[in-house]
């Protein structure tokens, strides 16, 4: 398992592919600060 600093360094310097761990904002309706359109 990698440390956070190593993972960030790999992402920043394009040394490895980065895994997406979340969906695009806003991906669900739990945010109460969304502005109604």
N, C-alpha and C. Protein backbone atom coordinates (compact mmCIF):
# COMPACT_ATOMS: atom_id res chain seq x y z
N UNK A 1 0.83 -1.18 0.00
CA UNK A 1 0.00 0.00 0.00
C UNK A 1 0.88 1.25 0.00
N UNK A 2 0.53 2.22 -0.84
CA UNK A 2 1.32 3.45 -0.94
C UNK A 2 0.91 4.46 0.11
N UNK A 3 1.86 5.28 0.47
CA UNK A 3 1.54 6.40 1.35
C UNK A 3 0.90 7.50 0.52
N UNK A 4 0.20 8.40 1.19
CA UNK A 4 -0.50 9.48 0.50
C UNK A 4 0.48 10.34 -0.28
N UNK A 5 1.62 10.69 0.31
CA UNK A 5 2.60 11.54 -0.37
C UNK A 5 3.12 10.88 -1.65
N UNK A 6 3.32 9.57 -1.62
CA UNK A 6 3.78 8.87 -2.82
C UNK A 6 2.70 8.88 -3.90
N UNK A 7 1.46 8.68 -3.51
CA UNK A 7 0.36 8.69 -4.47
C UNK A 7 0.19 10.07 -5.10
N UNK A 8 0.29 11.12 -4.29
CA UNK A 8 0.17 12.48 -4.82
C UNK A 8 1.34 12.78 -5.76
N UNK A 9 2.53 12.36 -5.39
CA UNK A 9 3.69 12.56 -6.25
C UNK A 9 3.54 11.83 -7.58
N UNK A 10 3.03 10.60 -7.54
CA UNK A 10 2.79 9.85 -8.77
C UNK A 10 1.78 10.56 -9.66
N UNK A 11 0.72 11.11 -9.04
CA UNK A 11 -0.29 11.85 -9.80
C UNK A 11 0.31 13.12 -10.38
N UNK A 12 1.04 13.88 -9.58
CA UNK A 12 1.56 15.18 -10.00
C UNK A 12 2.58 15.04 -11.13
N UNK A 13 3.44 14.06 -11.04
CA UNK A 13 4.49 13.89 -12.03
C UNK A 13 4.12 12.88 -13.12
N UNK A 14 2.84 12.48 -13.19
CA UNK A 14 2.34 11.54 -14.21
C UNK A 14 3.15 10.25 -14.27
N UNK A 15 3.52 9.74 -13.10
CA UNK A 15 4.29 8.50 -13.06
C UNK A 15 3.41 7.27 -13.16
N UNK A 16 2.17 7.38 -12.74
CA UNK A 16 1.24 6.25 -12.78
C UNK A 16 -0.17 6.77 -13.05
N UNK A 17 -1.03 5.86 -13.47
CA UNK A 17 -2.43 6.22 -13.65
C UNK A 17 -3.06 6.47 -12.29
N UNK A 18 -3.99 7.39 -12.27
CA UNK A 18 -4.68 7.74 -11.02
C UNK A 18 -6.06 7.10 -11.05
N UNK A 19 -6.42 6.48 -9.96
CA UNK A 19 -7.74 5.87 -9.85
C UNK A 19 -8.73 6.92 -9.37
N UNK A 20 -9.88 6.98 -10.02
CA UNK A 20 -10.94 7.88 -9.59
C UNK A 20 -11.64 7.23 -8.40
N UNK A 21 -11.76 7.98 -7.32
CA UNK A 21 -12.38 7.41 -6.12
C UNK A 21 -13.72 8.05 -5.80
N UNK A 22 -14.16 8.95 -6.66
CA UNK A 22 -15.43 9.62 -6.41
C UNK A 22 -16.04 10.01 -7.75
N UNK A 23 -17.30 10.37 -7.73
CA UNK A 23 -17.94 10.81 -8.96
C UNK A 23 -17.80 12.33 -9.10
N UNK A 24 -18.19 12.85 -10.25
CA UNK A 24 -18.08 14.28 -10.49
C UNK A 24 -19.03 15.05 -9.59
N UNK A 25 -18.65 16.25 -9.21
CA UNK A 25 -19.48 17.10 -8.37
C UNK A 25 -20.60 17.69 -9.17
N UNK A 26 -21.78 17.82 -8.71
CA UNK A 26 -22.40 17.11 -7.59
C UNK A 26 -22.95 15.79 -8.07
N UNK A 27 -22.54 14.72 -7.45
CA UNK A 27 -22.96 13.40 -7.92
C UNK A 27 -24.19 12.88 -7.19
N UNK A 28 -24.58 13.53 -6.13
CA UNK A 28 -25.80 13.12 -5.44
C UNK A 28 -26.50 14.36 -4.88
N UNK A 29 -27.57 14.16 -4.19
CA UNK A 29 -28.37 15.29 -3.69
C UNK A 29 -28.11 15.60 -2.23
N UNK A 30 -26.95 15.24 -1.70
CA UNK A 30 -26.69 15.45 -0.28
C UNK A 30 -26.14 16.84 0.02
N UNK A 31 -25.71 17.57 -0.99
CA UNK A 31 -25.15 18.91 -0.76
C UNK A 31 -26.28 19.91 -0.61
N UNK A 32 -26.36 20.55 0.53
CA UNK A 32 -27.43 21.50 0.79
C UNK A 32 -27.10 22.91 0.30
N UNK A 33 -25.91 23.12 -0.27
CA UNK A 33 -25.52 24.44 -0.75
C UNK A 33 -25.69 24.60 -2.26
N UNK A 34 -26.34 23.66 -2.90
CA UNK A 34 -26.55 23.77 -4.34
C UNK A 34 -27.56 24.87 -4.64
N UNK A 35 -27.31 25.62 -5.70
CA UNK A 35 -28.21 26.68 -6.12
C UNK A 35 -29.21 26.08 -7.10
N UNK A 36 -30.50 26.30 -6.84
CA UNK A 36 -31.53 25.79 -7.75
C UNK A 36 -31.45 26.54 -9.07
N UNK A 37 -31.61 25.80 -10.15
CA UNK A 37 -31.53 26.41 -11.49
C UNK A 37 -32.88 26.92 -11.92
